[in-house]
C-alpha atoms as a PDB file:
ATOM      1  CA  UNK A   1       0.000   0.000   0.000  1.00  0.00           C
ATOM      2  CA  UNK A   2       1.357   3.418  -0.888  1.00  0.00           C
ATOM      3  CA  UNK A   3       2.347   5.855   1.839  1.00  0.00           C
ATOM      4  CA  UNK A   4      -0.269   8.425   0.774  1.00  0.00           C
ATOM      5  CA  UNK A   5      -3.044   5.823   0.713  1.00  0.00           C
ATOM      6  CA  UNK A   6      -2.058   4.771   4.241  1.00  0.00           C
ATOM      7  CA  UNK A   7      -2.093   8.415   5.337  1.00  0.00           C
ATOM      8  CA  UNK A   8      -5.586   8.919   3.861  1.00  0.00           C
ATOM      9  CA  UNK A   9      -6.917   5.712   5.412  1.00  0.00           C
ATOM     10  CA  UNK A  10      -5.527   6.706   8.810  1.00  0.00           C
ATOM     11  CA  UNK A  11      -7.376  10.037   8.584  1.00  0.00           C
ATOM     12  CA  UNK A  12     -10.591   8.269   7.614  1.00  0.00           C
ATOM     13  CA  UNK A  13     -10.214   5.651  10.360  1.00  0.00           C
ATOM     14  CA  UNK A  14      -9.604   8.282  13.039  1.00  0.00           C
ATOM     15  CA  UNK A  15     -12.474  10.634  12.130  1.00  0.00           C
ATOM     16  CA  UNK A  16     -16.146  10.012  11.393  1.00  0.00           C
ATOM     17  CA  UNK A  17     -16.472  13.047   9.130  1.00  0.00           C
ATOM     18  CA  UNK A  18     -13.553  14.253   7.009  1.00  0.00           C
ATOM     19  CA  UNK A  19     -13.551  17.079   4.490  1.00  0.00           C
ATOM     20  CA  UNK A  20     -10.595  17.164   2.125  1.00  0.00           C
ATOM     21  CA  UNK A  21     -10.583  20.805   1.118  1.00  0.00           C
ATOM     22  CA  UNK A  22      -8.547  23.806   0.025  1.00  0.00           C
ATOM     23  CA  UNK A  23      -7.773  25.673   3.219  1.00  0.00           C
ATOM     24  CA  UNK A  24      -9.241  24.957   6.638  1.00  0.00           C
ATOM     25  CA  UNK A  25     -12.712  25.148   8.125  1.00  0.00           C
ATOM     26  CA  UNK A  26     -11.785  28.463   9.742  1.00  0.00           C
ATOM     27  CA  UNK A  27     -10.152  29.766   6.545  1.00  0.00           C
ATOM     28  CA  UNK A  28     -11.418  28.082   3.358  1.00  0.00           C
ATOM     29  CA  UNK A  29      -9.354  29.044   0.327  1.00  0.00           C
ATOM     30  CA  UNK A  30     -11.893  28.477  -2.452  1.00  0.00           C
ATOM     31  CA  UNK A  31     -15.606  29.019  -2.874  1.00  0.00           C
ATOM     32  CA  UNK A  32     -16.417  25.317  -3.136  1.00  0.00           C
ATOM     33  CA  UNK A  33     -14.552  24.518   0.084  1.00  0.00           C
ATOM     34  CA  UNK A  34     -16.262  27.459   1.791  1.00  0.00           C
ATOM     35  CA  UNK A  35     -19.675  26.193   0.701  1.00  0.00           C
ATOM     36  CA  UNK A  36     -18.937  22.647   1.931  1.00  0.00           C
ATOM     37  CA  UNK A  37     -17.681  24.008   5.255  1.00  0.00           C
ATOM     38  CA  UNK A  38     -20.729  26.265   5.656  1.00  0.00           C
ATOM     39  CA  UNK A  39     -23.093  23.338   5.082  1.00  0.00           C
ATOM     40  CA  UNK A  40     -21.408  21.165   7.710  1.00  0.00           C
ATOM     41  CA  UNK A  41     -21.171  24.041  10.192  1.00  0.00           C
ATOM     42  CA  UNK A  42     -24.834  24.942   9.627  1.00  0.00           C
ATOM     43  CA  UNK A  43     -25.752  21.351  10.477  1.00  0.00           C
ATOM     44  CA  UNK A  44     -23.564  21.454  13.598  1.00  0.00           C
ATOM     45  CA  UNK A  45     -21.418  18.569  12.370  1.00  0.00           C
ATOM     46  CA  UNK A  46     -17.954  18.271  13.864  1.00  0.00           C
ATOM     47  CA  UNK A  47     -15.515  17.344  11.126  1.00  0.00           C
ATOM     48  CA  UNK A  48     -11.823  16.977  10.456  1.00  0.00           C
ATOM     49  CA  UNK A  49     -10.570  19.291   7.755  1.00  0.00           C
ATOM     50  CA  UNK A  50      -7.605  18.271   5.629  1.00  0.00           C
ATOM     51  CA  UNK A  51      -5.961  21.138   3.766  1.00  0.00           C
ATOM     52  CA  UNK A  52      -4.854  19.609   0.474  1.00  0.00           C
ATOM     53  CA  UNK A  53      -2.881  22.765  -0.347  1.00  0.00           C
ATOM     54  CA  UNK A  54      -0.398  21.815   2.383  1.00  0.00           C
ATOM     55  CA  UNK A  55       0.260  18.312   1.040  1.00  0.00           C
ATOM     56  CA  UNK A  56       0.579  17.725  -2.694  1.00  0.00           C
ATOM     57  CA  UNK A  57       0.611  13.938  -2.191  1.00  0.00           C
ATOM     58  CA  UNK A  58      -2.760  14.028  -0.423  1.00  0.00           C
ATOM     59  CA  UNK A  59      -4.109  16.525  -2.962  1.00  0.00           C
ATOM     60  CA  UNK A  60      -3.427  14.098  -5.798  1.00  0.00           C
ATOM     61  CA  UNK A  61      -3.869  10.933  -3.751  1.00  0.00           C
ATOM     62  CA  UNK A  62      -7.399  11.718  -2.554  1.00  0.00           C
ATOM     63  CA  UNK A  63      -8.567  12.185  -6.150  1.00  0.00           C
ATOM     64  CA  UNK A  64      -7.284   8.708  -6.979  1.00  0.00           C
ATOM     65  CA  UNK A  65      -8.416   7.167  -3.669  1.00  0.00           C
ATOM     66  CA  UNK A  66     -12.063   8.105  -4.110  1.00  0.00           C
ATOM     67  CA  UNK A  67     -11.963   8.113  -7.903  1.00  0.00           C
ATOM     68  CA  UNK A  68     -13.314  11.668  -7.673  1.00  0.00           C
ATOM     69  CA  UNK A  69     -11.569  14.388  -9.722  1.00  0.00           C
ATOM     70  CA  UNK A  70     -12.391  17.499  -7.686  1.00  0.00           C
ATOM     71  CA  UNK A  71     -11.866  18.952  -4.233  1.00  0.00           C
ATOM     72  CA  UNK A  72     -13.530  19.319  -1.752  1.00  0.00           C
ATOM     73  CA  UNK A  73     -14.457  15.742  -0.972  1.00  0.00           C
ATOM     74  CA  UNK A  74     -16.634  14.753   1.976  1.00  0.00           C
ATOM     75  CA  UNK A  75     -16.229  11.362   3.640  1.00  0.00           C
ATOM     76  CA  UNK A  76     -18.576  10.059   6.330  1.00  0.00           C
ATOM     77  CA  UNK A  77     -17.609   6.823   8.081  1.00  0.00           C
ATOM     78  CA  UNK A  78     -14.985   6.211   5.382  1.00  0.00           C
ATOM     79  CA  UNK A  79     -17.567   6.531   2.563  1.00  0.00           C
ATOM     80  CA  UNK A  80     -17.215   9.198  -0.107  1.00  0.00           C
ATOM     81  CA  UNK A  81     -20.336  11.358  -0.170  1.00  0.00           C
ATOM     82  CA  UNK A  82     -19.184  13.774  -2.872  1.00  0.00           C
ATOM     83  CA  UNK A  83     -18.112  17.340  -3.498  1.00  0.00           C
ATOM     84  CA  UNK A  84     -19.733  20.665  -2.710  1.00  0.00           C
ATOM     85  CA  UNK A  85     -22.328  20.504  -5.515  1.00  0.00           C
ATOM     86  CA  UNK A  86     -23.580  17.112  -4.358  1.00  0.00           C
ATOM     87  CA  UNK A  87     -23.457  18.271  -0.737  1.00  0.00           C
ATOM     88  CA  UNK A  88     -25.569  21.331  -1.633  1.00  0.00           C
ATOM     89  CA  UNK A  89     -28.153  19.265  -3.513  1.00  0.00           C
ATOM     90  CA  UNK A  90     -28.361  16.772  -0.638  1.00  0.00           C
ATOM     91  CA  UNK A  91     -28.524  19.578   1.933  1.00  0.00           C
ATOM     92  CA  UNK A  92     -31.344  21.379   0.121  1.00  0.00           C
ATOM     93  CA  UNK A  93     -33.374  18.173  -0.219  1.00  0.00           C
ATOM     94  CA  UNK A  94     -32.764  17.112   3.401  1.00  0.00           C
ATOM     95  CA  UNK A  95     -30.937  13.987   2.255  1.00  0.00           C
ATOM     96  CA  UNK A  96     -27.605  15.071   3.752  1.00  0.00           C
ATOM     97  CA  UNK A  97     -29.180  15.695   7.158  1.00  0.00           C
ATOM     98  CA  UNK A  98     -30.798  12.238   7.057  1.00  0.00           C
ATOM     99  CA  UNK A  99     -27.585  10.548   5.955  1.00  0.00           C
ATOM    100  CA  UNK A 100     -25.531  12.247   8.666  1.00  0.00           C
ATOM    101  CA  UNK A 101     -28.102  11.428  11.326  1.00  0.00           C
ATOM    102  CA  UNK A 102     -28.093   7.737  10.356  1.00  0.00           C
ATOM    103  CA  UNK A 103     -24.321   7.456   9.870  1.00  0.00           C
ATOM    104  CA  UNK A 104     -23.361   9.327  13.014  1.00  0.00           C
ATOM    105  CA  UNK A 105     -25.912   7.429  15.125  1.00  0.00           C
ATOM    106  CA  UNK A 106     -24.773   4.089  13.746  1.00  0.00           C
ATOM    107  CA  UNK A 107     -21.325   4.442  15.255  1.00  0.00           C
ATOM    108  CA  UNK A 108     -22.387   5.487  18.754  1.00  0.00           C
END
């Protein structure tokens, strides 16, 4: 297993909700990352942010890991949910709230 894949899996194993993003949750560095952060914060979800701008290996590795070409990427219980557009659609329909409620309850 590659070093970057191990690093990504460790992050996913240690945190229920992980957002691979540009910047941090307190300082997003692109509009898509800001939107994803705002959605999670609005829902009161605690999440681990991973600033892909600080680690080129993770920036490229996460795209390959989830077979998803863009950043941000939201993972819940090690499952890729999607990027900010999918998060917004799910949020507006209530699907994201339902998914988070089920996934976060399931691990308690």
